[in-house]
Amino acid sequence: MIRYTMQDNQWAVSRFLSEHNHELATPSKRHLLRSARSIPTAKENVIDSMVSVGIRPTNVYTYMSNEVRGAENVGFTRRDCYNYFNKHKMMMIEAGDGQSLLNHLKVKASEDPMFFYTVQVDQENRVTIFFWRDGSSRTDYDCFGDVVVFDTTYLTNRCNLICAPFVGINHHRQTIMFGCAFLLD
């Protein structure tokens, strides 16, 4: 440990302990230290472009680590990549988008008395989840809701929200929608 103080406009060592209380990071673990990790702008651009065409952040990180022959050479961790993506995704949903969605859902609710919707927001009042179903979906669920499929494998292109439809089949083996949600995570 070393501690400095300022004396007469000059730095002076005020305390120095030569013993170290733990092993220093080995070269193979140095890339995991917070002080050694950062995502440069060029790599942010690669992450953005790959994610925008539907590649998951974990697969982007795997690709980047293969390109530089190992995770220790990337300069950041898989979690850093995921955190960057989530932070970027949160900024994509603009305040006007959420308000226009809410206005649209309110209009639909006034037109259809069986229409239902709910919206969840985070601490900054940004939309994180919204769900809706109309009157015919409710009726279909009452008649054919014995089996419900909830599939979250779809992404939208603009805001990267996960599309989560609730679907089933009717007595003619046709796919019917019971409701739909969009999830941020």
C-alpha atoms as a PDB file:
ATOM      1  CA  MET A   1       0.000   0.000   0.000  1.00  0.00           C
ATOM      2  CA  ILE A   2       1.127   3.499  -0.720  1.00  0.00           C
ATOM      3  CA  ARG A   3      -0.491   6.757   0.342  1.00  0.00           C
ATOM      4  CA  TYR A   4       0.391  10.218  -0.923  1.00  0.00           C
ATOM      5  CA  THR A   5      -0.241  13.683   0.485  1.00  0.00           C
ATOM      6  CA  MET A   6       0.287  17.119  -0.986  1.00  0.00           C
ATOM      7  CA  GLN A   7       2.905  19.256   0.805  1.00  0.00           C
ATOM      8  CA  ASP A   8       4.057  22.612  -0.568  1.00  0.00           C
ATOM      9  CA  ASN A   9       2.604  21.827  -4.022  1.00  0.00           C
ATOM     10  CA  GLN A  10       4.557  18.560  -4.167  1.00  0.00           C
ATOM     11  CA  TRP A  11       3.427  15.000  -3.688  1.00  0.00           C
ATOM     12  CA  ALA A  12       5.022  13.213  -0.740  1.00  0.00           C
ATOM     13  CA  VAL A  13       4.716   9.593   0.363  1.00  0.00           C
ATOM     14  CA  SER A  14       2.969   9.617   3.730  1.00  0.00           C
ATOM     15  CA  ARG A  15       2.650   5.859   4.219  1.00  0.00           C
ATOM     16  CA  PHE A  16       4.199   2.842   2.535  1.00  0.00           C
ATOM     17  CA  LEU A  17       3.770  -0.867   3.330  1.00  0.00           C
ATOM     18  CA  SER A  18       5.997  -3.152   1.307  1.00  0.00           C
ATOM     19  CA  GLU A  19       4.139  -6.353   2.221  1.00  0.00           C
ATOM     20  CA  HIS A  20       1.199  -7.224   0.028  1.00  0.00           C
ATOM     21  CA  ASN A  21      -1.747  -9.008   1.647  1.00  0.00           C
ATOM     22  CA  HIS A  22      -2.803 -11.139  -1.345  1.00  0.00           C
ATOM     23  CA  GLU A  23      -1.423 -12.618  -4.518  1.00  0.00           C
ATOM     24  CA  LEU A  24      -1.313 -10.316  -7.498  1.00  0.00           C
ATOM     25  CA  ALA A  25      -3.419 -11.285 -10.485  1.00  0.00           C
ATOM     26  CA  THR A  26      -1.656 -13.698 -12.778  1.00  0.00           C
ATOM     27  CA  PRO A  27      -1.352 -12.755 -16.464  1.00  0.00           C
ATOM     28  CA  SER A  28      -4.042 -15.308 -17.335  1.00  0.00           C
ATOM     29  CA  LYS A  29      -6.508 -13.600 -14.934  1.00  0.00           C
ATOM     30  CA  ARG A  30      -5.551  -9.951 -15.612  1.00  0.00           C
ATOM     31  CA  HIS A  31      -8.315  -9.525 -18.191  1.00  0.00           C
ATOM     32  CA  LEU A  32     -10.904 -10.107 -15.434  1.00  0.00           C
ATOM     33  CA  LEU A  33      -9.809  -7.097 -13.347  1.00  0.00           C
ATOM     34  CA  ARG A  34     -12.259  -4.195 -13.560  1.00  0.00           C
ATOM     35  CA  SER A  35      -9.415  -1.728 -14.158  1.00  0.00           C
ATOM     36  CA  ALA A  36      -8.283  -3.702 -17.229  1.00  0.00           C
ATOM     37  CA  ARG A  37     -11.738  -3.974 -18.840  1.00  0.00           C
ATOM     38  CA  SER A  38     -13.336  -1.535 -21.255  1.00  0.00           C
ATOM     39  CA  ILE A  39     -15.307  -1.742 -24.476  1.00  0.00           C
ATOM     40  CA  PRO A  40     -13.704   0.514 -27.099  1.00  0.00           C
ATOM     41  CA  THR A  41     -15.948   2.365 -29.551  1.00  0.00           C
ATOM     42  CA  ALA A  42     -14.921   0.092 -32.428  1.00  0.00           C
ATOM     43  CA  LYS A  43     -16.039  -2.996 -30.505  1.00  0.00           C
ATOM     44  CA  GLU A  44     -19.245  -1.239 -29.399  1.00  0.00           C
ATOM     45  CA  ASN A  45     -19.987  -0.699 -33.096  1.00  0.00           C
ATOM     46  CA  VAL A  46     -19.413  -4.403 -33.807  1.00  0.00           C
ATOM     47  CA  ILE A  47     -21.735  -5.371 -30.929  1.00  0.00           C
ATOM     48  CA  ASP A  48     -24.404  -2.928 -32.149  1.00  0.00           C
ATOM     49  CA  SER A  49     -24.264  -4.112 -35.744  1.00  0.00           C
ATOM     50  CA  MET A  50     -24.333  -7.812 -34.873  1.00  0.00           C
ATOM     51  CA  VAL A  51     -27.154  -7.450 -32.345  1.00  0.00           C
ATOM     52  CA  SER A  52     -29.177  -5.313 -34.774  1.00  0.00           C
ATOM     53  CA  VAL A  53     -29.342  -8.257 -37.196  1.00  0.00           C
ATOM     54  CA  GLY A  54     -30.552 -10.624 -34.466  1.00  0.00           C
ATOM     55  CA  ILE A  55     -27.364 -12.161 -33.041  1.00  0.00           C
ATOM     56  CA  ARG A  56     -27.524 -12.588 -29.266  1.00  0.00           C
ATOM     57  CA  PRO A  57     -24.962 -10.714 -27.126  1.00  0.00           C
ATOM     58  CA  THR A  58     -23.465 -13.958 -25.784  1.00  0.00           C
ATOM     59  CA  ASN A  59     -22.901 -15.190 -29.346  1.00  0.00           C
ATOM     60  CA  VAL A  60     -21.401 -11.811 -30.265  1.00  0.00           C
ATOM     61  CA  TYR A  61     -18.937 -12.183 -27.383  1.00  0.00           C
ATOM     62  CA  THR A  62     -18.071 -15.734 -28.435  1.00  0.00           C
ATOM     63  CA  TYR A  63     -17.414 -14.533 -31.979  1.00  0.00           C
ATOM     64  CA  MET A  64     -15.244 -11.655 -30.745  1.00  0.00           C
ATOM     65  CA  SER A  65     -13.217 -13.918 -28.451  1.00  0.00           C
ATOM     66  CA  ASN A  66     -12.655 -16.394 -31.295  1.00  0.00           C
ATOM     67  CA  GLU A  67     -11.476 -13.530 -33.521  1.00  0.00           C
ATOM     68  CA  VAL A  68      -8.723 -12.569 -31.043  1.00  0.00           C
ATOM     69  CA  ARG A  69      -7.871 -16.139 -30.009  1.00  0.00           C
ATOM     70  CA  GLY A  70      -9.325 -16.211 -26.517  1.00  0.00           C
ATOM     71  CA  ALA A  71     -11.467 -14.365 -24.003  1.00  0.00           C
ATOM     72  CA  GLU A  72      -8.375 -12.990 -22.267  1.00  0.00           C
ATOM     73  CA  ASN A  73      -7.578 -10.957 -25.401  1.00  0.00           C
ATOM     74  CA  VAL A  74     -11.018  -9.355 -25.906  1.00  0.00           C
ATOM     75  CA  GLY A  75     -10.551  -6.628 -23.277  1.00  0.00           C
ATOM     76  CA  PHE A  76     -13.895  -7.160 -21.538  1.00  0.00           C
ATOM     77  CA  THR A  77     -15.998 -10.004 -20.181  1.00  0.00           C
ATOM     78  CA  ARG A  78     -19.166 -11.646 -21.464  1.00  0.00           C
ATOM     79  CA  ARG A  79     -21.069  -9.876 -18.651  1.00  0.00           C
ATOM     80  CA  ASP A  80     -19.642  -6.495 -19.791  1.00  0.00           C
ATOM     81  CA  CYS A  81     -20.945  -7.220 -23.301  1.00  0.00           C
ATOM     82  CA  TYR A  82     -24.377  -8.156 -21.955  1.00  0.00           C
ATOM     83  CA  ASN A  83     -24.489  -5.068 -19.702  1.00  0.00           C
ATOM     84  CA  TYR A  84     -23.523  -2.809 -22.615  1.00  0.00           C
ATOM     85  CA  PHE A  85     -26.284  -4.324 -24.733  1.00  0.00           C
ATOM     86  CA  ASN A  86     -28.924  -3.900 -22.005  1.00  0.00           C
ATOM     87  CA  LYS A  87     -27.891  -0.293 -21.341  1.00  0.00           C
ATOM     88  CA  HIS A  88     -28.055   0.444 -25.062  1.00  0.00           C
ATOM     89  CA  LYS A  89     -31.422  -1.317 -25.377  1.00  0.00           C
ATOM     90  CA  MET A  90     -32.892   0.780 -22.551  1.00  0.00           C
ATOM     91  CA  MET A  91     -31.924   3.960 -24.403  1.00  0.00           C
ATOM     92  CA  MET A  92     -33.645   2.745 -27.592  1.00  0.00           C
ATOM     93  CA  ILE A  93     -37.151   3.060 -26.146  1.00  0.00           C
ATOM     94  CA  GLU A  94     -37.851   6.757 -26.277  1.00  0.00           C
ATOM     95  CA  ALA A  95     -40.351   8.540 -24.064  1.00  0.00           C
ATOM     96  CA  GLY A  96     -42.584   9.394 -27.047  1.00  0.00           C
ATOM     97  CA  ASP A  97     -42.743   5.735 -28.078  1.00  0.00           C
ATOM     98  CA  GLY A  98     -44.096   4.673 -24.703  1.00  0.00           C
ATOM     99  CA  GLN A  99     -46.659   7.467 -24.612  1.00  0.00           C
ATOM    100  CA  SER A 100     -47.908   6.768 -28.136  1.00  0.00           C
ATOM    101  CA  LEU A 101     -48.252   3.068 -27.228  1.00  0.00           C
ATOM    102  CA  LEU A 102     -50.232   3.954 -24.109  1.00  0.00           C
ATOM    103  CA  ASN A 103     -52.487   6.295 -26.105  1.00  0.00           C
ATOM    104  CA  HIS A 104     -53.139   3.541 -28.671  1.00  0.00           C
ATOM    105  CA  LEU A 105     -53.990   0.996 -25.968  1.00  0.00           C
ATOM    106  CA  LYS A 106     -56.384   3.480 -24.310  1.00  0.00           C
ATOM    107  CA  VAL A 107     -58.196   4.029 -27.624  1.00  0.00           C
ATOM    108  CA  LYS A 108     -58.541   0.272 -28.134  1.00  0.00           C
ATOM    109  CA  ALA A 109     -59.873  -0.117 -24.582  1.00  0.00           C
ATOM    110  CA  SER A 110     -62.507   2.555 -25.224  1.00  0.00           C
ATOM    111  CA  GLU A 111     -63.607   0.764 -28.431  1.00  0.00           C
ATOM    112  CA  ASP A 112     -63.767  -2.762 -26.967  1.00  0.00           C
ATOM    113  CA  PRO A 113     -65.106  -3.230 -23.401  1.00  0.00           C
ATOM    114  CA  MET A 114     -63.353  -6.624 -23.122  1.00  0.00           C
ATOM    115  CA  PHE A 115     -59.980  -5.205 -24.216  1.00  0.00           C
ATOM    116  CA  PHE A 116     -57.369  -5.498 -21.481  1.00  0.00           C
ATOM    117  CA  TYR A 117     -53.842  -4.136 -21.270  1.00  0.00           C
ATOM    118  CA  THR A 118     -51.186  -3.547 -18.657  1.00  0.00           C
ATOM    119  CA  VAL A 119     -47.883  -1.667 -18.865  1.00  0.00           C
ATOM    120  CA  GLN A 120     -44.904  -1.967 -16.531  1.00  0.00           C
ATOM    121  CA  VAL A 121     -42.264   0.764 -16.316  1.00  0.00           C
ATOM    122  CA  ASP A 122     -38.908   1.015 -14.555  1.00  0.00           C
ATOM    123  CA  GLN A 123     -37.642   3.664 -12.107  1.00  0.00           C
ATOM    124  CA  GLU A 124     -36.993   6.126 -14.957  1.00  0.00           C
ATOM    125  CA  ASN A 125     -40.588   5.649 -16.182  1.00  0.00           C
ATOM    126  CA  ARG A 126     -39.513   3.727 -19.314  1.00  0.00           C
ATOM    127  CA  VAL A 127     -41.641   0.878 -20.646  1.00  0.00           C
ATOM    128  CA  THR A 128     -40.189  -2.533 -19.773  1.00  0.00           C
ATOM    129  CA  ILE A 129     -43.217  -4.815 -20.316  1.00  0.00           C
ATOM    130  CA  PHE A 130     -46.602  -4.403 -21.919  1.00  0.00           C
ATOM    131  CA  PHE A 131     -49.376  -6.945 -22.448  1.00  0.00           C
ATOM    132  CA  TRP A 132     -52.736  -6.773 -24.189  1.00  0.00           C
ATOM    133  CA  ARG A 133     -55.608  -8.919 -25.347  1.00  0.00           C
ATOM    134  CA  ASP A 134     -58.843  -8.019 -27.081  1.00  0.00           C
ATOM    135  CA  GLY A 135     -62.406  -9.293 -26.606  1.00  0.00           C
ATOM    136  CA  SER A 136     -62.231 -12.021 -29.250  1.00  0.00           C
ATOM    137  CA  SER A 137     -58.971 -13.313 -27.717  1.00  0.00           C
ATOM    138  CA  ARG A 138     -60.712 -13.519 -24.338  1.00  0.00           C
ATOM    139  CA  THR A 139     -63.627 -15.448 -25.863  1.00  0.00           C
ATOM    140  CA  ASP A 140     -61.217 -17.779 -27.691  1.00  0.00           C
ATOM    141  CA  TYR A 141     -59.338 -18.405 -24.447  1.00  0.00           C
ATOM    142  CA  ASP A 142     -62.590 -19.257 -22.630  1.00  0.00           C
ATOM    143  CA  CYS A 143     -63.438 -21.798 -25.348  1.00  0.00           C
ATOM    144  CA  PHE A 144     -59.998 -23.183 -26.292  1.00  0.00           C
ATOM    145  CA  GLY A 145     -57.670 -22.258 -23.417  1.00  0.00           C
ATOM    146  CA  ASP A 146     -56.918 -25.830 -22.343  1.00  0.00           C
ATOM    147  CA  VAL A 147     -53.432 -25.590 -23.839  1.00  0.00           C
ATOM    148  CA  VAL A 148     -51.535 -22.311 -24.024  1.00  0.00           C
ATOM    149  CA  VAL A 149     -48.186 -21.876 -25.742  1.00  0.00           C
ATOM    150  CA  PHE A 150     -45.983 -19.034 -24.503  1.00  0.00           C
ATOM    151  CA  ASP A 151     -43.053 -18.547 -26.897  1.00  0.00           C
ATOM    152  CA  THR A 152     -40.372 -15.892 -26.334  1.00  0.00           C
ATOM    153  CA  THR A 153     -38.040 -16.683 -29.220  1.00  0.00           C
ATOM    154  CA  TYR A 154     -38.939 -13.657 -31.356  1.00  0.00           C
ATOM    155  CA  LEU A 155     -37.300 -10.224 -31.303  1.00  0.00           C
ATOM    156  CA  THR A 156     -38.605  -7.029 -32.813  1.00  0.00           C
ATOM    157  CA  ASN A 157     -36.181  -5.092 -34.992  1.00  0.00           C
ATOM    158  CA  ARG A 158     -36.642  -1.535 -33.785  1.00  0.00           C
ATOM    159  CA  CYS A 159     -36.461  -1.719 -29.982  1.00  0.00           C
ATOM    160  CA  ASN A 160     -35.189  -5.281 -29.525  1.00  0.00           C
ATOM    161  CA  LEU A 161     -38.130  -6.088 -27.277  1.00  0.00           C
ATOM    162  CA  ILE A 162     -38.906  -9.773 -26.913  1.00  0.00           C
ATOM    163  CA  CYS A 163     -42.258 -10.647 -28.490  1.00  0.00           C
ATOM    164  CA  ALA A 164     -44.125 -13.117 -26.275  1.00  0.00           C
ATOM    165  CA  PRO A 165     -47.400 -14.285 -27.854  1.00  0.00           C
ATOM    166  CA  PHE A 166     -49.867 -16.464 -25.959  1.00  0.00           C
ATOM    167  CA  VAL A 167     -51.327 -18.832 -28.554  1.00  0.00           C
ATOM    168  CA  GLY A 168     -53.416 -21.980 -28.761  1.00  0.00           C
ATOM    169  CA  ILE A 169     -55.432 -23.942 -31.319  1.00  0.00           C
ATOM    170  CA  ASN A 170     -59.155 -24.044 -31.948  1.00  0.00           C
ATOM    171  CA  HIS A 171     -61.366 -27.009 -32.853  1.00  0.00           C
ATOM    172  CA  HIS A 172     -60.306 -26.638 -36.538  1.00  0.00           C
ATOM    173  CA  ARG A 173     -56.619 -26.912 -35.555  1.00  0.00           C
ATOM    174  CA  GLN A 174     -56.071 -23.261 -36.474  1.00  0.00           C
ATOM    175  CA  THR A 175     -53.668 -21.160 -34.464  1.00  0.00           C
ATOM    176  CA  ILE A 176     -55.429 -18.529 -32.380  1.00  0.00           C
ATOM    177  CA  MET A 177     -53.930 -15.756 -30.281  1.00  0.00           C
ATOM    178  CA  PHE A 178     -55.004 -15.342 -26.660  1.00  0.00           C
ATOM    179  CA  GLY A 179     -52.882 -12.281 -25.994  1.00  0.00           C
ATOM    180  CA  CYS A 180     -49.435 -10.834 -26.562  1.00  0.00           C
ATOM    181  CA  ALA A 181     -46.698  -9.242 -24.503  1.00  0.00           C
ATOM    182  CA  PHE A 182     -43.487  -7.428 -25.272  1.00  0.00           C
ATOM    183  CA  LEU A 183     -40.715  -7.838 -22.724  1.00  0.00           C
ATOM    184  CA  LEU A 184     -37.521  -5.857 -22.364  1.00  0.00           C
ATOM    185  CA  ASP A 185     -35.765  -8.787 -20.676  1.00  0.00           C
END
